[in-house]
PDB file of N, CA and C in Angstrom:
ATOM      1  N   MET A   1       0.809  -1.200   0.000  1.00  0.00           N
ATOM      2  CA  MET A   1       0.000   0.000   0.000  1.00  0.00           C
ATOM      3  C   MET A   1       0.857   1.270   0.000  1.00  0.00           C
ATOM      4  N   ILE A   2       1.957   1.247   0.743  1.00  0.00           N
ATOM      5  CA  ILE A   2       2.813   2.424   0.807  1.00  0.00           C
ATOM      6  C   ILE A   2       3.381   2.746  -0.577  1.00  0.00           C
ATOM      7  N   GLU A   3       3.835   1.710  -1.269  1.00  0.00           N
ATOM      8  CA  GLU A   3       4.410   1.925  -2.595  1.00  0.00           C
ATOM      9  C   GLU A   3       3.366   2.474  -3.560  1.00  0.00           C
ATOM     10  N   ARG A   4       2.156   1.959  -3.464  1.00  0.00           N
ATOM     11  CA  ARG A   4       1.080   2.441  -4.343  1.00  0.00           C
ATOM     12  C   ARG A   4       0.751   3.904  -4.061  1.00  0.00           C
ATOM     13  N   ALA A   5       0.721   4.266  -2.792  1.00  0.00           N
ATOM     14  CA  ALA A   5       0.432   5.653  -2.426  1.00  0.00           C
ATOM     15  C   ALA A   5       1.544   6.584  -2.916  1.00  0.00           C
ATOM     16  N   GLU A   6       2.781   6.128  -2.802  1.00  0.00           N
ATOM     17  CA  GLU A   6       3.889   6.950  -3.279  1.00  0.00           C
ATOM     18  C   GLU A   6       3.837   7.131  -4.798  1.00  0.00           C
ATOM     19  N   ARG A   7       3.473   6.085  -5.530  1.00  0.00           N
ATOM     20  CA  ARG A   7       3.332   6.214  -6.993  1.00  0.00           C
ATOM     21  C   ARG A   7       2.183   7.140  -7.342  1.00  0.00           C
ATOM     22  N   ALA A   8       1.092   7.037  -6.583  1.00  0.00           N
ATOM     23  CA  ALA A   8      -0.056   7.918  -6.835  1.00  0.00           C
ATOM     24  C   ALA A   8       0.328   9.380  -6.598  1.00  0.00           C
ATOM     25  N   LEU A   9       1.125   9.633  -5.575  1.00  0.00           N
ATOM     26  CA  LEU A   9       1.590  10.999  -5.324  1.00  0.00           C
ATOM     27  C   LEU A   9       2.448  11.505  -6.476  1.00  0.00           C
ATOM     28  N   LEU A  10       3.248  10.636  -7.037  1.00  0.00           N
ATOM     29  CA  LEU A  10       4.071  11.018  -8.177  1.00  0.00           C
ATOM     30  C   LEU A  10       3.204  11.393  -9.383  1.00  0.00           C
ATOM     31  N   VAL A  11       2.176  10.594  -9.634  1.00  0.00           N
ATOM     32  CA  VAL A  11       1.257  10.896 -10.736  1.00  0.00           C
ATOM     33  C   VAL A  11       0.540  12.215 -10.473  1.00  0.00           C
ATOM     34  N   LEU A  12       0.088  12.396  -9.237  1.00  0.00           N
ATOM     35  CA  LEU A  12      -0.592  13.653  -8.902  1.00  0.00           C
ATOM     36  C   LEU A  12       0.344  14.849  -9.016  1.00  0.00           C
ATOM     37  N   ALA A  13       1.603  14.685  -8.661  1.00  0.00           N
ATOM     38  CA  ALA A  13       2.572  15.776  -8.809  1.00  0.00           C
ATOM     39  C   ALA A  13       2.683  16.166 -10.282  1.00  0.00           C
ATOM     40  N   PHE A  14       2.712  15.169 -11.156  1.00  0.00           N
ATOM     41  CA  PHE A  14       2.747  15.451 -12.590  1.00  0.00           C
ATOM     42  C   PHE A  14       1.493  16.203 -13.020  1.00  0.00           C
ATOM     43  N   LEU A  15       0.329  15.731 -12.530  1.00  0.00           N
ATOM     44  CA  LEU A  15      -0.926  16.387 -12.907  1.00  0.00           C
ATOM     45  C   LEU A  15      -1.011  17.810 -12.372  1.00  0.00           C
ATOM     46  N   ILE A  16      -0.470  18.048 -11.187  1.00  0.00           N
ATOM     47  CA  ILE A  16      -0.459  19.401 -10.632  1.00  0.00           C
ATOM     48  C   ILE A  16       0.400  20.313 -11.499  1.00  0.00           C
ATOM     49  N   GLU A  17       1.544  19.805 -11.944  1.00  0.00           N
ATOM     50  CA  GLU A  17       2.399  20.597 -12.831  1.00  0.00           C
ATOM     51  C   GLU A  17       1.694  20.893 -14.150  1.00  0.00           C
ATOM     52  N   ARG A  18       0.958  19.920 -14.634  1.00  0.00           N
ATOM     53  CA  ARG A  18       0.288  20.075 -15.923  1.00  0.00           C
ATOM     54  C   ARG A  18      -0.991  20.891 -15.838  1.00  0.00           C
ATOM     55  N   ASP A  19      -1.819  20.606 -14.808  1.00  0.00           N
ATOM     56  CA  ASP A  19      -3.167  21.179 -14.741  1.00  0.00           C
ATOM     57  C   ASP A  19      -3.322  22.303 -13.721  1.00  0.00           C
ATOM     58  N   GLY A  20      -2.389  22.430 -12.820  1.00  0.00           N
ATOM     59  CA  GLY A  20      -2.499  23.476 -11.812  1.00  0.00           C
ATOM     60  C   GLY A  20      -3.081  22.968 -10.506  1.00  0.00           C
ATOM     61  N   ASP A  21      -3.642  23.888  -9.731  1.00  0.00           N
ATOM     62  CA  ASP A  21      -4.047  23.634  -8.342  1.00  0.00           C
ATOM     63  C   ASP A  21      -5.255  22.727  -8.163  1.00  0.00           C
ATOM     64  N   VAL A  22      -5.914  22.359  -9.218  1.00  0.00           N
ATOM     65  CA  VAL A  22      -7.137  21.577  -9.085  1.00  0.00           C
ATOM     66  C   VAL A  22      -6.901  20.250  -8.349  1.00  0.00           C
ATOM     67  N   HIS A  23      -5.707  19.704  -8.414  1.00  0.00           N
ATOM     68  CA  HIS A  23      -5.406  18.404  -7.788  1.00  0.00           C
ATOM     69  C   HIS A  23      -4.775  18.522  -6.396  1.00  0.00           C
ATOM     70  N   LEU A  24      -4.566  19.743  -5.936  1.00  0.00           N
ATOM     71  CA  LEU A  24      -3.912  19.930  -4.636  1.00  0.00           C
ATOM     72  C   LEU A  24      -4.658  19.277  -3.475  1.00  0.00           C
ATOM     73  N   PRO A  25      -5.992  19.413  -3.367  1.00  0.00           N
ATOM     74  CA  PRO A  25      -6.676  18.767  -2.229  1.00  0.00           C
ATOM     75  C   PRO A  25      -6.493  17.243  -2.210  1.00  0.00           C
ATOM     76  N   LEU A  26      -6.540  16.619  -3.366  1.00  0.00           N
ATOM     77  CA  LEU A  26      -6.336  15.174  -3.430  1.00  0.00           C
ATOM     78  C   LEU A  26      -4.899  14.813  -3.055  1.00  0.00           C
ATOM     79  N   TYR A  27      -3.950  15.609  -3.510  1.00  0.00           N
ATOM     80  CA  TYR A  27      -2.544  15.381  -3.168  1.00  0.00           C
ATOM     81  C   TYR A  27      -2.337  15.464  -1.659  1.00  0.00           C
ATOM     82  N   GLU A  28      -2.895  16.501  -1.048  1.00  0.00           N
ATOM     83  CA  GLU A  28      -2.747  16.672   0.409  1.00  0.00           C
ATOM     84  C   GLU A  28      -3.400  15.524   1.168  1.00  0.00           C
ATOM     85  N   SER A  29      -4.560  15.100   0.716  1.00  0.00           N
ATOM     86  CA  SER A  29      -5.244  13.980   1.358  1.00  0.00           C
ATOM     87  C   SER A  29      -4.429  12.698   1.251  1.00  0.00           C
ATOM     88  N   LEU A  30      -3.891  12.448   0.080  1.00  0.00           N
ATOM     89  CA  LEU A  30      -3.077  11.254  -0.119  1.00  0.00           C
ATOM     90  C   LEU A  30      -1.788  11.316   0.696  1.00  0.00           C
ATOM     91  N   GLU A  31      -1.209  12.497   0.834  1.00  0.00           N
ATOM     92  CA  GLU A  31      -0.026  12.654   1.686  1.00  0.00           C
ATOM     93  C   GLU A  31      -0.332  12.278   3.134  1.00  0.00           C
ATOM     94  N   ARG A  32      -1.479  12.744   3.639  1.00  0.00           N
ATOM     95  CA  ARG A  32      -1.873  12.405   5.018  1.00  0.00           C
ATOM     96  C   ARG A  32      -2.073  10.900   5.170  1.00  0.00           C
ATOM     97  N   ASN A  33      -2.734  10.298   4.185  1.00  0.00           N
ATOM     98  CA  ASN A  33      -2.960   8.850   4.235  1.00  0.00           C
ATOM     99  C   ASN A  33      -1.647   8.084   4.206  1.00  0.00           C
ATOM    100  N   LEU A  34      -0.709   8.553   3.406  1.00  0.00           N
ATOM    101  CA  LEU A  34       0.601   7.904   3.329  1.00  0.00           C
ATOM    102  C   LEU A  34       1.323   7.983   4.671  1.00  0.00           C
ATOM    103  N   GLU A  35       1.260   9.122   5.327  1.00  0.00           N
ATOM    104  CA  GLU A  35       1.889   9.257   6.637  1.00  0.00           C
ATOM    105  C   GLU A  35       1.268   8.301   7.655  1.00  0.00           C
ATOM    106  N   GLU A  36      -0.046   8.148   7.603  1.00  0.00           N
ATOM    107  CA  GLU A  36      -0.716   7.207   8.508  1.00  0.00           C
ATOM    108  C   GLU A  36      -0.279   5.769   8.220  1.00  0.00           C
ATOM    109  N   LEU A  37      -0.182   5.411   6.959  1.00  0.00           N
ATOM    110  CA  LEU A  37       0.286   4.072   6.592  1.00  0.00           C
ATOM    111  C   LEU A  37       1.699   3.827   7.112  1.00  0.00           C
ATOM    112  N   LYS A  38       2.560   4.827   6.981  1.00  0.00           N
ATOM    113  CA  LYS A  38       3.931   4.689   7.466  1.00  0.00           C
ATOM    114  C   LYS A  38       3.982   4.553   8.978  1.00  0.00           C
ATOM    115  N   LYS A  39       3.128   5.297   9.685  1.00  0.00           N
ATOM    116  CA  LYS A  39       3.081   5.188  11.148  1.00  0.00           C
ATOM    117  C   LYS A  39       2.650   3.793  11.575  1.00  0.00           C
ATOM    118  N   LYS A  40       1.631   3.270  10.901  1.00  0.00           N
ATOM    119  CA  LYS A  40       1.156   1.920  11.230  1.00  0.00           C
ATOM    120  C   LYS A  40       2.234   0.883  10.952  1.00  0.00           C
ATOM    121  N   GLU A  41       2.914   1.027   9.834  1.00  0.00           N
ATOM    122  CA  GLU A  41       3.980   0.088   9.492  1.00  0.00           C
ATOM    123  C   GLU A  41       5.106   0.171  10.504  1.00  0.00           C
ATOM    124  N   ASP A  42       5.440   1.380  10.946  1.00  0.00           N
ATOM    125  CA  ASP A  42       6.474   1.565  11.953  1.00  0.00           C
ATOM    126  C   ASP A  42       6.056   0.916  13.269  1.00  0.00           C
ATOM    127  N   THR A  43       4.794   1.068  13.640  1.00  0.00           N
ATOM    128  CA  THR A  43       4.291   0.454  14.868  1.00  0.00           C
ATOM    129  C   THR A  43       4.354  -1.063  14.778  1.00  0.00           C
ATOM    130  N   LYS A  44       3.941  -1.614  13.637  1.00  0.00           N
ATOM    131  CA  LYS A  44       4.010  -3.065  13.455  1.00  0.00           C
ATOM    132  C   LYS A  44       5.451  -3.554  13.511  1.00  0.00           C
ATOM    133  N   SER A  45       6.364  -2.789  12.961  1.00  0.00           N
ATOM    134  CA  SER A  45       7.776  -3.152  12.988  1.00  0.00           C
ATOM    135  C   SER A  45       8.311  -3.158  14.415  1.00  0.00           C
ATOM    136  N   ARG A  46       7.948  -2.150  15.196  1.00  0.00           N
ATOM    137  CA  ARG A  46       8.381  -2.100  16.600  1.00  0.00           C
ATOM    138  C   ARG A  46       7.803  -3.271  17.379  1.00  0.00           C
ATOM    139  N   ALA A  47       6.551  -3.606  17.125  1.00  0.00           N
ATOM    140  CA  ALA A  47       5.929  -4.736  17.819  1.00  0.00           C
ATOM    141  C   ALA A  47       6.616  -6.042  17.448  1.00  0.00           C
ATOM    142  N   ARG A  48       6.953  -6.196  16.196  1.00  0.00           N
ATOM    143  CA  ARG A  48       7.644  -7.405  15.735  1.00  0.00           C
ATOM    144  C   ARG A  48       9.011  -7.529  16.395  1.00  0.00           C
ATOM    145  N   LYS A  49       9.750  -6.418  16.490  1.00  0.00           N
ATOM    146  CA  LYS A  49      11.056  -6.445  17.144  1.00  0.00           C
ATOM    147  C   LYS A  49      10.929  -6.824  18.607  1.00  0.00           C
ATOM    148  N   ARG A  50       9.906  -6.294  19.275  1.00  0.00           N
ATOM    149  CA  ARG A  50       9.692  -6.620  20.689  1.00  0.00           C
ATOM    150  C   ARG A  50       9.408  -8.107  20.846  1.00  0.00           C
ATOM    151  N   LEU A  51       8.588  -8.656  19.972  1.00  0.00           N
ATOM    152  CA  LEU A  51       8.254 -10.073  20.035  1.00  0.00           C
ATOM    153  C   LEU A  51       9.490 -10.929  19.810  1.00  0.00           C
ATOM    154  N   LEU A  52      10.310 -10.551  18.843  1.00  0.00           N
ATOM    155  CA  LEU A  52      11.511 -11.325  18.564  1.00  0.00           C
ATOM    156  C   LEU A  52      12.502 -11.278  19.714  1.00  0.00           C
ATOM    157  N   ALA A  53      12.471 -10.232  20.512  1.00  0.00           N
ATOM    158  CA  ALA A  53      13.367 -10.128  21.658  1.00  0.00           C
ATOM    159  C   ALA A  53      12.986 -11.115  22.760  1.00  0.00           C
ATOM    160  N   TYR A  54      11.759 -11.580  22.755  1.00  0.00           N
ATOM    161  CA  TYR A  54      11.279 -12.509  23.777  1.00  0.00           C
ATOM    162  C   TYR A  54      11.347 -13.938  23.256  1.00  0.00           C
ATOM    163  N   THR A  55      12.538 -14.426  23.046  1.00  0.00           N
ATOM    164  CA  THR A  55      12.700 -15.791  22.550  1.00  0.00           C
ATOM    165  C   THR A  55      13.253 -16.685  23.641  1.00  0.00           C
ATOM    166  N   ARG A  56      12.966 -17.920  23.533  1.00  0.00           N
ATOM    167  CA  ARG A  56      13.499 -18.890  24.494  1.00  0.00           C
ATOM    168  C   ARG A  56      15.020 -18.971  24.400  1.00  0.00           C
ATOM    169  N   GLU A  57      15.569 -18.850  23.209  1.00  0.00           N
ATOM    170  CA  GLU A  57      17.013 -18.937  23.039  1.00  0.00           C
ATOM    171  C   GLU A  57      17.732 -17.805  23.768  1.00  0.00           C
ATOM    172  N   GLY A  58      17.094 -16.666  23.868  1.00  0.00           N
ATOM    173  CA  GLY A  58      17.703 -15.533  24.545  1.00  0.00           C
ATOM    174  C   GLY A  58      17.560 -15.594  26.049  1.00  0.00           C
ATOM    175  N   GLY A  59      16.869 -16.609  26.550  1.00  0.00           N
ATOM    176  CA  GLY A  59      16.706 -16.756  27.979  1.00  0.00           C
ATOM    177  C   GLY A  59      15.693 -15.793  28.572  1.00  0.00           C
ATOM    178  N   LEU A  60      14.938 -15.122  27.739  1.00  0.00           N
ATOM    179  CA  LEU A  60      13.923 -14.194  28.227  1.00  0.00           C
ATOM    180  C   LEU A  60      12.564 -14.872  28.208  1.00  0.00           C
ATOM    181  N   LYS A  61      11.547 -14.159  28.629  1.00  0.00           N
ATOM    182  CA  LYS A  61      10.194 -14.685  28.582  1.00  0.00           C
ATOM    183  C   LYS A  61       9.859 -15.065  27.152  1.00  0.00           C
ATOM    184  N   ALA A  62       8.984 -16.043  27.009  1.00  0.00           N
ATOM    185  CA  ALA A  62       8.563 -16.476  25.685  1.00  0.00           C
ATOM    186  C   ALA A  62       7.054 -16.628  25.673  1.00  0.00           C
ATOM    187  N   ILE A  63       6.500 -16.619  24.513  1.00  0.00           N
ATOM    188  CA  ILE A  63       5.067 -16.824  24.357  1.00  0.00           C
ATOM    189  C   ILE A  63       4.842 -18.270  23.961  1.00  0.00           C
ATOM    190  N   CYS A  64       4.018 -18.951  24.728  1.00  0.00           N
ATOM    191  CA  CYS A  64       3.651 -20.321  24.388  1.00  0.00           C
ATOM    192  C   CYS A  64       2.648 -20.267  23.244  1.00  0.00           C
ATOM    193  N   SER A  65       3.033 -20.779  22.105  1.00  0.00           N
ATOM    194  CA  SER A  65       2.200 -20.623  20.916  1.00  0.00           C
ATOM    195  C   SER A  65       0.879 -21.367  21.021  1.00  0.00           C
ATOM    196  N   ASN A  66       0.830 -22.467  21.775  1.00  0.00           N
ATOM    197  CA  ASN A  66      -0.428 -23.218  21.840  1.00  0.00           C
ATOM    198  C   ASN A  66      -1.469 -22.550  22.730  1.00  0.00           C
ATOM    199  N   THR A  67      -1.047 -21.735  23.692  1.00  0.00           N
ATOM    200  CA  THR A  67      -2.007 -21.064  24.567  1.00  0.00           C
ATOM    201  C   THR A  67      -1.958 -19.549  24.435  1.00  0.00           C
ATOM    202  N   LEU A  68      -0.955 -19.049  23.713  1.00  0.00           N
ATOM    203  CA  LEU A  68      -0.734 -17.604  23.563  1.00  0.00           C
ATOM    204  C   LEU A  68      -0.628 -16.910  24.914  1.00  0.00           C
ATOM    205  N   SER A  69      -0.057 -17.616  25.894  1.00  0.00           N
ATOM    206  CA  SER A  69       0.142 -17.012  27.206  1.00  0.00           C
ATOM    207  C   SER A  69       1.632 -16.784  27.421  1.00  0.00           C
ATOM    208  N   LEU A  70       1.949 -15.801  28.225  1.00  0.00           N
ATOM    209  CA  LEU A  70       3.340 -15.533  28.554  1.00  0.00           C
ATOM    210  C   LEU A  70       3.778 -16.494  29.649  1.00  0.00           C
ATOM    211  N   SER A  71       5.001 -16.967  29.535  1.00  0.00           N
ATOM    212  CA  SER A  71       5.529 -17.830  30.585  1.00  0.00           C
ATOM    213  C   SER A  71       6.998 -17.499  30.778  1.00  0.00           C
ATOM    214  N   ASP A  72       7.492 -17.821  31.978  1.00  0.00           N
ATOM    215  CA  ASP A  72       8.911 -17.674  32.252  1.00  0.00           C
ATOM    216  C   ASP A  72       9.301 -18.727  33.273  1.00  0.00           C
ATOM    217  N   SER A  73      10.466 -18.623  33.835  1.00  0.00           N
ATOM    218  CA  SER A  73      10.957 -19.658  34.737  1.00  0.00           C
ATOM    219  C   SER A  73      10.174 -19.738  36.040  1.00  0.00           C
ATOM    220  N   VAL A  74       9.436 -18.712  36.404  1.00  0.00           N
ATOM    221  CA  VAL A  74       8.692 -18.748  37.662  1.00  0.00           C
ATOM    222  C   VAL A  74       7.226 -19.105  37.450  1.00  0.00           C
ATOM    223  N   GLY A  75       6.840 -19.464  36.263  1.00  0.00           N
ATOM    224  CA  GLY A  75       5.462 -19.873  36.017  1.00  0.00           C
ATOM    225  C   GLY A  75       4.651 -18.802  35.336  1.00  0.00           C
ATOM    226  N   PRO A  76       3.362 -19.060  35.199  1.00  0.00           N
ATOM    227  CA  PRO A  76       2.511 -18.122  34.483  1.00  0.00           C
ATOM    228  C   PRO A  76       2.328 -16.810  35.231  1.00  0.00           C
ATOM    229  N   SER A  77       2.006 -15.801  34.492  1.00  0.00           N
ATOM    230  CA  SER A  77       1.769 -14.491  35.096  1.00  0.00           C
ATOM    231  C   SER A  77       0.519 -14.534  35.961  1.00  0.00           C
ATOM    232  N   PRO A  78       0.461 -13.745  37.033  1.00  0.00           N
ATOM    233  CA  PRO A  78      -0.693 -13.764  37.942  1.00  0.00           C
ATOM    234  C   PRO A  78      -2.008 -13.432  37.255  1.00  0.00           C
ATOM    235  N   TYR A  79      -1.984 -12.605  36.228  1.00  0.00           N
ATOM    236  CA  TYR A  79      -3.237 -12.234  35.573  1.00  0.00           C
ATOM    237  C   TYR A  79      -3.821 -13.374  34.756  1.00  0.00           C
ATOM    238  N   LEU A  80      -3.059 -14.449  34.573  1.00  0.00           N
ATOM    239  CA  LEU A  80      -3.598 -15.596  33.844  1.00  0.00           C
ATOM    240  C   LEU A  80      -4.252 -16.613  34.759  1.00  0.00           C
ATOM    241  N   GLU A  81      -4.068 -16.457  36.075  1.00  0.00           N
ATOM    242  CA  GLU A  81      -4.667 -17.393  37.018  1.00  0.00           C
ATOM    243  C   GLU A  81      -6.148 -17.089  37.199  1.00  0.00           C
ATOM    244  N   PRO A  82      -6.977 -18.128  37.399  1.00  0.00           N
ATOM    245  CA  PRO A  82      -8.403 -17.887  37.627  1.00  0.00           C
ATOM    246  C   PRO A  82      -8.628 -17.090  38.901  1.00  0.00           C
ATOM    247  N   ARG A  83      -9.592 -16.220  38.881  1.00  0.00           N
ATOM    248  CA  ARG A  83      -9.902 -15.400  40.049  1.00  0.00           C
ATOM    249  C   ARG A  83     -11.012 -16.034  40.870  1.00  0.00           C
ATOM    250  N   GLY A  84     -10.951 -15.833  42.150  1.00  0.00           N
ATOM    251  CA  GLY A  84     -12.006 -16.266  43.049  1.00  0.00           C
ATOM    252  C   GLY A  84     -12.048 -17.751  43.304  1.00  0.00           C
ATOM    253  N   LEU A  85     -10.973 -18.485  42.962  1.00  0.00           N
ATOM    254  CA  LEU A  85     -10.979 -19.920  43.241  1.00  0.00           C
ATOM    255  C   LEU A  85     -10.078 -20.262  44.383  1.00  0.00           C
TER     256      LEU A  85
END
Protein backbone atom coordinates (compact mmCIF):
# COMPACT_ATOMS: atom_id res chain seq x y z
CA MET A 1 0.00 0.00 0.00
CA ILE A 2 2.81 2.42 0.81
CA GLU A 3 4.41 1.93 -2.59
CA ARG A 4 1.08 2.44 -4.34
CA ALA A 5 0.43 5.65 -2.43
CA GLU A 6 3.89 6.95 -3.28
CA ARG A 7 3.33 6.21 -6.99
CA ALA A 8 -0.06 7.92 -6.84
CA LEU A 9 1.59 11.00 -5.32
CA LEU A 10 4.07 11.02 -8.18
CA VAL A 11 1.26 10.90 -10.74
CA LEU A 12 -0.59 13.65 -8.90
CA ALA A 13 2.57 15.78 -8.81
CA PHE A 14 2.75 15.45 -12.59
CA LEU A 15 -0.93 16.39 -12.91
CA ILE A 16 -0.46 19.40 -10.63
CA GLU A 17 2.40 20.60 -12.83
CA ARG A 18 0.29 20.07 -15.92
CA ASP A 19 -3.17 21.18 -14.74
CA GLY A 20 -2.50 23.48 -11.81
CA ASP A 21 -4.05 23.63 -8.34
CA VAL A 22 -7.14 21.58 -9.08
CA HIS A 23 -5.41 18.40 -7.79
CA LEU A 24 -3.91 19.93 -4.64
CA PRO A 25 -6.68 18.77 -2.23
CA LEU A 26 -6.34 15.17 -3.43
CA TYR A 27 -2.54 15.38 -3.17
CA GLU A 28 -2.75 16.67 0.41
CA SER A 29 -5.24 13.98 1.36
CA LEU A 30 -3.08 11.25 -0.12
CA GLU A 31 -0.03 12.65 1.69
CA ARG A 32 -1.87 12.41 5.02
CA ASN A 33 -2.96 8.85 4.24
CA LEU A 34 0.60 7.90 3.33
CA GLU A 35 1.89 9.26 6.64
CA GLU A 36 -0.72 7.21 8.51
CA LEU A 37 0.29 4.07 6.59
CA LYS A 38 3.93 4.69 7.47
CA LYS A 39 3.08 5.19 11.15
CA LYS A 40 1.16 1.92 11.23
CA GLU A 41 3.98 0.09 9.49
CA ASP A 42 6.47 1.57 11.95
CA THR A 43 4.29 0.45 14.87
CA LYS A 44 4.01 -3.06 13.45
CA SER A 45 7.78 -3.15 12.99
CA ARG A 46 8.38 -2.10 16.60
CA ALA A 47 5.93 -4.74 17.82
CA ARG A 48 7.64 -7.40 15.73
CA LYS A 49 11.06 -6.45 17.14
CA ARG A 50 9.69 -6.62 20.69
CA LEU A 51 8.25 -10.07 20.03
CA LEU A 52 11.51 -11.33 18.56
CA ALA A 53 13.37 -10.13 21.66
CA TYR A 54 11.28 -12.51 23.78
CA THR A 55 12.70 -15.79 22.55
CA ARG A 56 13.50 -18.89 24.49
CA GLU A 57 17.01 -18.94 23.04
CA GLY A 58 17.70 -15.53 24.54
CA GLY A 59 16.71 -16.76 27.98
CA LEU A 60 13.92 -14.19 28.23
CA LYS A 61 10.19 -14.69 28.58
CA ALA A 62 8.56 -16.48 25.69
CA ILE A 63 5.07 -16.82 24.36
CA CYS A 64 3.65 -20.32 24.39
CA SER A 65 2.20 -20.62 20.92
CA ASN A 66 -0.43 -23.22 21.84
CA THR A 67 -2.01 -21.06 24.57
CA LEU A 68 -0.73 -17.60 23.56
CA SER A 69 0.14 -17.01 27.21
CA LEU A 70 3.34 -15.53 28.55
CA SER A 71 5.53 -17.83 30.58
CA ASP A 72 8.91 -17.67 32.25
CA SER A 73 10.96 -19.66 34.74
CA VAL A 74 8.69 -18.75 37.66
CA GLY A 75 5.46 -19.87 36.02
CA PRO A 76 2.51 -18.12 34.48
CA SER A 77 1.77 -14.49 35.10
CA PRO A 78 -0.69 -13.76 37.94
CA TYR A 79 -3.24 -12.23 35.57
CA LEU A 80 -3.60 -15.60 33.84
CA GLU A 81 -4.67 -17.39 37.02
CA PRO A 82 -8.40 -17.89 37.63
CA ARG A 83 -9.90 -15.40 40.05
CA GLY A 84 -12.01 -16.27 43.05
CA LEU A 85 -10.98 -19.92 43.24
